[in-house]
């Protein structure tokens, strides 16, 4: 599968990160309202496993997109290479942001 340089990649990474953020915290809020985990102080429960699973999936997707954008051939025009390299950095930042948000699931109980 080829990954064509396009200006859309400049906003796609953080748009999908926003979807991840709402998906995780919306799911956590719904899970806390229906679960008995809200009385638990243990961070290892099904809600945090959901958060960690979503974090791993989205981090791998962002990392893959960053790698594909970084591998643009030198035969591409200079503008296409610029968009691809900048998109690679933005996808990498989205992957890092996803890890930072998901790392809280390792430490804190979900329903405080």
N, C-alpha and C. Protein backbone atom coordinates (compact mmCIF):
# COMPACT_ATOMS: atom_id res chain seq x y z
N UNK A 1 0.85 -1.18 0.00
CA UNK A 1 0.00 0.00 0.00
C UNK A 1 0.89 1.24 0.00
N UNK A 2 0.64 2.11 -0.95
CA UNK A 2 1.44 3.33 -1.01
C UNK A 2 0.77 4.43 -0.19
N UNK A 3 1.58 5.27 0.36
CA UNK A 3 1.12 6.37 1.21
C UNK A 3 1.48 7.65 0.49
N UNK A 4 0.54 8.25 -0.22
CA UNK A 4 0.81 9.43 -1.02
C UNK A 4 0.85 10.67 -0.15
N UNK A 5 1.84 11.53 -0.37
CA UNK A 5 1.90 12.80 0.37
C UNK A 5 0.70 13.67 0.00
N UNK A 6 0.04 14.19 1.00
CA UNK A 6 -1.13 15.03 0.78
C UNK A 6 -1.27 15.98 1.97
N UNK A 7 -1.71 17.20 1.74
CA UNK A 7 -1.88 18.15 2.86
C UNK A 7 -2.88 17.68 3.91
N UNK A 8 -3.76 16.77 3.56
CA UNK A 8 -4.73 16.25 4.52
C UNK A 8 -4.04 15.58 5.71
N UNK A 9 -2.88 15.01 5.47
CA UNK A 9 -2.15 14.34 6.56
C UNK A 9 -1.73 15.31 7.65
N UNK A 10 -1.65 16.60 7.33
CA UNK A 10 -1.25 17.58 8.33
C UNK A 10 -2.27 17.70 9.45
N UNK A 11 -3.54 17.47 9.16
CA UNK A 11 -4.58 17.58 10.18
C UNK A 11 -5.15 16.23 10.59
N UNK A 12 -4.90 15.21 9.81
CA UNK A 12 -5.52 13.91 10.07
C UNK A 12 -5.03 13.27 11.36
N UNK A 13 -3.76 13.41 11.68
CA UNK A 13 -3.21 12.78 12.89
C UNK A 13 -3.87 13.28 14.16
N UNK A 14 -3.93 14.59 14.32
CA UNK A 14 -4.52 15.11 15.55
C UNK A 14 -6.05 15.07 15.53
N UNK A 15 -6.65 15.00 14.35
CA UNK A 15 -8.09 14.78 14.29
C UNK A 15 -8.41 13.38 14.81
N UNK A 16 -7.63 12.40 14.38
CA UNK A 16 -7.84 11.04 14.88
C UNK A 16 -7.46 10.92 16.35
N UNK A 17 -6.49 11.70 16.79
CA UNK A 17 -6.15 11.71 18.22
C UNK A 17 -7.33 12.25 19.02
N UNK A 18 -8.00 13.27 18.51
CA UNK A 18 -9.18 13.82 19.16
C UNK A 18 -10.28 12.76 19.25
N UNK A 19 -10.45 11.97 18.20
CA UNK A 19 -11.41 10.86 18.22
C UNK A 19 -11.02 9.85 19.30
N UNK A 20 -9.73 9.51 19.37
CA UNK A 20 -9.24 8.60 20.42
C UNK A 20 -9.55 9.15 21.81
N UNK A 21 -9.23 10.42 22.03
CA UNK A 21 -9.41 11.03 23.34
C UNK A 21 -10.89 10.99 23.76
N UNK A 22 -11.79 11.34 22.86
CA UNK A 22 -13.22 11.31 23.17
C UNK A 22 -13.71 9.88 23.36
N UNK A 23 -13.22 8.96 22.56
CA UNK A 23 -13.60 7.56 22.66
C UNK A 23 -13.19 6.98 24.01
N UNK A 24 -11.97 7.27 24.43
CA UNK A 24 -11.46 6.72 25.69
C UNK A 24 -12.16 7.35 26.88
N UNK A 25 -12.23 8.65 26.94
CA UNK A 25 -12.83 9.28 28.11
C UNK A 25 -14.34 9.19 28.12
N UNK A 26 -14.97 9.15 26.97
CA UNK A 26 -16.40 8.88 26.92
C UNK A 26 -16.71 7.47 27.36
N UNK A 27 -15.91 6.51 26.87
CA UNK A 27 -16.09 5.12 27.28
C UNK A 27 -15.81 4.92 28.75
N UNK A 28 -14.83 5.64 29.27
CA UNK A 28 -14.53 5.54 30.70
C UNK A 28 -15.67 6.11 31.54
N UNK A 29 -16.25 7.20 31.11
CA UNK A 29 -17.37 7.78 31.85
C UNK A 29 -18.58 6.86 31.85
N UNK A 30 -18.88 6.28 30.71
CA UNK A 30 -20.01 5.34 30.64
C UNK A 30 -19.70 4.10 31.46
N UNK A 31 -18.48 3.60 31.37
CA UNK A 31 -18.09 2.43 32.16
C UNK A 31 -18.16 2.68 33.65
N UNK A 32 -17.78 3.87 34.09
CA UNK A 32 -17.82 4.18 35.51
C UNK A 32 -19.26 4.32 36.02
N UNK A 33 -20.17 4.73 35.15
CA UNK A 33 -21.55 4.88 35.60
C UNK A 33 -22.26 3.53 35.74
N UNK A 34 -21.79 2.50 35.01
CA UNK A 34 -22.44 1.20 35.05
C UNK A 34 -21.66 0.14 35.82
N UNK A 35 -20.45 0.42 36.20
CA UNK A 35 -19.58 -0.61 36.76
C UNK A 35 -19.44 -0.48 38.26
N UNK A 36 -19.01 -1.57 38.86
CA UNK A 36 -18.69 -1.53 40.28
C UNK A 36 -17.24 -1.11 40.50
N UNK A 37 -16.54 -0.75 39.43
CA UNK A 37 -15.14 -0.32 39.52
C UNK A 37 -15.01 1.06 40.15
N UNK A 38 -16.11 1.79 40.26
CA UNK A 38 -16.00 3.14 40.83
C UNK A 38 -15.66 3.11 42.32
N UNK A 39 -15.88 1.98 42.98
CA UNK A 39 -15.53 1.85 44.38
C UNK A 39 -14.13 1.27 44.57
N UNK A 40 -13.50 0.88 43.50
CA UNK A 40 -12.19 0.24 43.57
C UNK A 40 -11.07 1.27 43.50
N UNK A 41 -10.01 1.02 44.25
CA UNK A 41 -8.83 1.87 44.16
C UNK A 41 -7.70 1.17 43.42
N UNK A 42 -7.99 0.03 42.85
CA UNK A 42 -7.01 -0.74 42.09
C UNK A 42 -7.04 -0.29 40.63
N UNK A 43 -5.91 0.07 40.05
CA UNK A 43 -5.92 0.51 38.65
C UNK A 43 -6.08 -0.63 37.65
N UNK A 44 -5.98 -1.88 38.09
CA UNK A 44 -6.13 -3.00 37.17
C UNK A 44 -7.57 -3.50 37.18
N UNK A 45 -8.35 -3.03 36.25
CA UNK A 45 -9.74 -3.47 36.08
C UNK A 45 -10.10 -3.38 34.60
N UNK A 46 -11.31 -3.77 34.27
CA UNK A 46 -11.68 -3.85 32.86
C UNK A 46 -11.76 -2.49 32.19
N UNK A 47 -12.05 -1.44 32.92
CA UNK A 47 -12.12 -0.11 32.31
C UNK A 47 -10.72 0.34 31.88
N UNK A 48 -9.75 0.17 32.76
CA UNK A 48 -8.39 0.55 32.40
C UNK A 48 -7.80 -0.37 31.33
N UNK A 49 -8.21 -1.62 31.30
CA UNK A 49 -7.78 -2.51 30.22
C UNK A 49 -8.33 -2.04 28.88
N UNK A 50 -9.56 -1.53 28.87
CA UNK A 50 -10.14 -0.93 27.68
C UNK A 50 -9.31 0.28 27.23
N UNK A 51 -8.93 1.13 28.18
CA UNK A 51 -8.13 2.32 27.87
C UNK A 51 -6.76 1.90 27.32
N UNK A 52 -6.13 0.93 27.95
CA UNK A 52 -4.82 0.47 27.49
C UNK A 52 -4.91 -0.18 26.11
N UNK A 53 -5.96 -0.94 25.87
CA UNK A 53 -6.14 -1.55 24.55
C UNK A 53 -6.32 -0.52 23.45
N UNK A 54 -7.17 0.47 23.71
CA UNK A 54 -7.36 1.55 22.73
C UNK A 54 -6.08 2.34 22.53
N UNK A 55 -5.33 2.54 23.61
CA UNK A 55 -4.07 3.28 23.51
C UNK A 55 -3.07 2.53 22.64
N UNK A 56 -2.96 1.24 22.82
CA UNK A 56 -2.03 0.45 22.02
C UNK A 56 -2.42 0.47 20.54
N UNK A 57 -3.71 0.29 20.26
CA UNK A 57 -4.18 0.27 18.87
C UNK A 57 -3.91 1.61 18.19
N UNK A 58 -4.29 2.71 18.84
CA UNK A 58 -4.10 4.02 18.23
C UNK A 58 -2.62 4.39 18.13
N UNK A 59 -1.82 4.03 19.12
CA UNK A 59 -0.38 4.33 19.06
C UNK A 59 0.28 3.59 17.90
N UNK A 60 -0.08 2.33 17.71
CA UNK A 60 0.47 1.58 16.59
C UNK A 60 0.04 2.17 15.25
N UNK A 61 -1.22 2.60 15.16
CA UNK A 61 -1.70 3.21 13.92
C UNK A 61 -0.97 4.53 13.63
N UNK A 62 -0.81 5.37 14.64
CA UNK A 62 -0.09 6.63 14.44
C UNK A 62 1.38 6.38 14.10
N UNK A 63 1.99 5.41 14.74
CA UNK A 63 3.39 5.10 14.46
C UNK A 63 3.56 4.58 13.04
N UNK A 64 2.64 3.74 12.60
CA UNK A 64 2.68 3.23 11.23
C UNK A 64 2.53 4.37 10.23
N UNK A 65 1.60 5.29 10.48
CA UNK A 65 1.40 6.42 9.57
C UNK A 65 2.64 7.32 9.55
N UNK A 66 3.26 7.54 10.70
CA UNK A 66 4.48 8.35 10.74
C UNK A 66 5.59 7.68 9.94
N UNK A 67 5.72 6.37 10.07
CA UNK A 67 6.75 5.65 9.34
C UNK A 67 6.51 5.72 7.83
N UNK A 68 5.26 5.53 7.42
CA UNK A 68 4.95 5.58 5.99
C UNK A 68 5.17 6.97 5.42
N UNK A 69 4.83 8.00 6.16
CA UNK A 69 5.07 9.37 5.68
C UNK A 69 6.56 9.67 5.62
N UNK A 70 7.32 9.11 6.52
CA UNK A 70 8.76 9.36 6.54
C UNK A 70 9.47 8.68 5.37
N UNK A 71 8.89 7.64 4.84
CA UNK A 71 9.52 6.88 3.77
C UNK A 71 9.21 7.40 2.37
N UNK A 72 8.83 8.64 2.24
CA UNK A 72 8.54 9.19 0.91
C UNK A 72 9.83 9.23 0.10
N UNK A 73 9.73 8.84 -1.14
CA UNK A 73 10.92 8.75 -1.99
C UNK A 73 11.43 10.13 -2.37
N UNK A 74 12.73 10.24 -2.59
CA UNK A 74 13.29 11.52 -3.03
C UNK A 74 12.83 11.93 -4.42
N UNK A 75 12.21 11.02 -5.16
CA UNK A 75 11.72 11.36 -6.49
C UNK A 75 10.48 12.25 -6.45
N UNK A 76 9.85 12.33 -5.30
CA UNK A 76 8.67 13.19 -5.17
C UNK A 76 9.09 14.66 -5.24
N UNK A 77 8.17 15.54 -5.67
CA UNK A 77 8.49 16.97 -5.68
C UNK A 77 8.76 17.49 -4.26
N UNK A 78 9.45 18.60 -4.18
CA UNK A 78 9.86 19.14 -2.89
C UNK A 78 8.67 19.44 -1.99
N UNK A 79 7.57 19.94 -2.56
CA UNK A 79 6.39 20.25 -1.75
C UNK A 79 5.78 18.97 -1.18
N UNK A 80 5.74 17.92 -1.95
CA UNK A 80 5.19 16.65 -1.47
C UNK A 80 6.07 16.08 -0.36
N UNK A 81 7.39 16.19 -0.52
CA UNK A 81 8.29 15.71 0.54
C UNK A 81 8.12 16.52 1.82
N UNK A 82 7.91 17.84 1.67
CA UNK A 82 7.69 18.69 2.85
C UNK A 82 6.44 18.25 3.59
N UNK A 83 5.33 18.07 2.86
CA UNK A 83 4.09 17.63 3.50
C UNK A 83 4.27 16.27 4.17
N UNK A 84 4.98 15.38 3.51
CA UNK A 84 5.16 14.04 4.06
C UNK A 84 6.01 14.06 5.32
N UNK A 85 7.11 14.80 5.31
CA UNK A 85 7.98 14.84 6.48
C UNK A 85 7.31 15.57 7.65
N UNK A 86 6.63 16.67 7.38
CA UNK A 86 5.91 17.36 8.45
C UNK A 86 4.79 16.49 8.99
N UNK A 87 4.10 15.77 8.12
CA UNK A 87 3.05 14.86 8.56
C UNK A 87 3.63 13.74 9.42
N UNK A 88 4.82 13.27 9.08
CA UNK A 88 5.46 12.23 9.89
C UNK A 88 5.72 12.73 11.30
N UNK A 89 6.19 13.96 11.42
CA UNK A 89 6.43 14.53 12.75
C UNK A 89 5.12 14.68 13.51
N UNK A 90 4.07 15.14 12.84
CA UNK A 90 2.78 15.33 13.51
C UNK A 90 2.17 13.99 13.92
N UNK A 91 2.29 12.97 13.08
CA UNK A 91 1.82 11.63 13.47
C UNK A 91 2.61 11.10 14.67
N UNK A 92 3.91 11.35 14.69
CA UNK A 92 4.73 10.90 15.82
C UNK A 92 4.31 11.64 17.10
N UNK A 93 4.00 12.92 16.99
CA UNK A 93 3.52 13.66 18.16
C UNK A 93 2.17 13.13 18.63
N UNK A 94 1.31 12.74 17.69
CA UNK A 94 0.02 12.16 18.07
C UNK A 94 0.23 10.81 18.77
N UNK A 95 1.19 10.02 18.29
CA UNK A 95 1.49 8.74 18.95
C UNK A 95 2.01 8.98 20.36
N UNK A 96 2.90 9.95 20.54
CA UNK A 96 3.42 10.26 21.87
C UNK A 96 2.31 10.77 22.78
N UNK A 97 1.43 11.63 22.26
CA UNK A 97 0.32 12.15 23.07
C UNK A 97 -0.62 11.03 23.48
N UNK A 98 -0.82 10.07 22.60
CA UNK A 98 -1.66 8.92 22.93
C UNK A 98 -1.05 8.12 24.07
N UNK A 99 0.26 7.92 24.03
CA UNK A 99 0.93 7.19 25.11
C UNK A 99 0.85 7.94 26.43
N UNK A 100 0.98 9.26 26.39
CA UNK A 100 0.91 10.05 27.62
C UNK A 100 -0.48 9.95 28.25
N UNK A 101 -1.51 10.06 27.43
CA UNK A 101 -2.88 9.96 27.95
C UNK A 101 -3.15 8.55 28.46
N UNK A 102 -2.72 7.54 27.73
CA UNK A 102 -2.98 6.16 28.14
C UNK A 102 -2.15 5.71 29.32
N UNK A 103 -1.03 6.36 29.59
CA UNK A 103 -0.18 5.96 30.71
C UNK A 103 -0.87 6.15 32.05
N UNK A 104 -1.82 7.04 32.12
CA UNK A 104 -2.56 7.25 33.37
C UNK A 104 -3.33 5.99 33.78
N UNK A 105 -3.69 5.15 32.81
CA UNK A 105 -4.42 3.93 33.12
C UNK A 105 -3.56 2.92 33.87
N UNK A 106 -2.25 3.07 33.80
CA UNK A 106 -1.37 2.18 34.54
C UNK A 106 -1.23 2.57 36.01
N UNK A 107 -1.55 3.81 36.33
CA UNK A 107 -1.29 4.34 37.66
C UNK A 107 -2.57 4.59 38.46
N UNK A 108 -3.55 5.22 37.82
CA UNK A 108 -4.72 5.69 38.53
C UNK A 108 -5.93 4.78 38.33
N UNK A 109 -6.77 4.66 39.35
CA UNK A 109 -8.05 3.97 39.13
C UNK A 109 -8.93 4.82 38.23
N UNK A 110 -9.82 4.20 37.46
CA UNK A 110 -10.55 4.96 36.45
C UNK A 110 -11.63 5.89 37.00
N UNK A 111 -12.22 5.55 38.10
CA UNK A 111 -13.38 6.30 38.59
C UNK A 111 -13.05 6.97 39.91
N UNK A 112 -12.46 8.13 39.85
CA UNK A 112 -12.14 8.86 41.07
C UNK A 112 -13.17 9.92 41.35
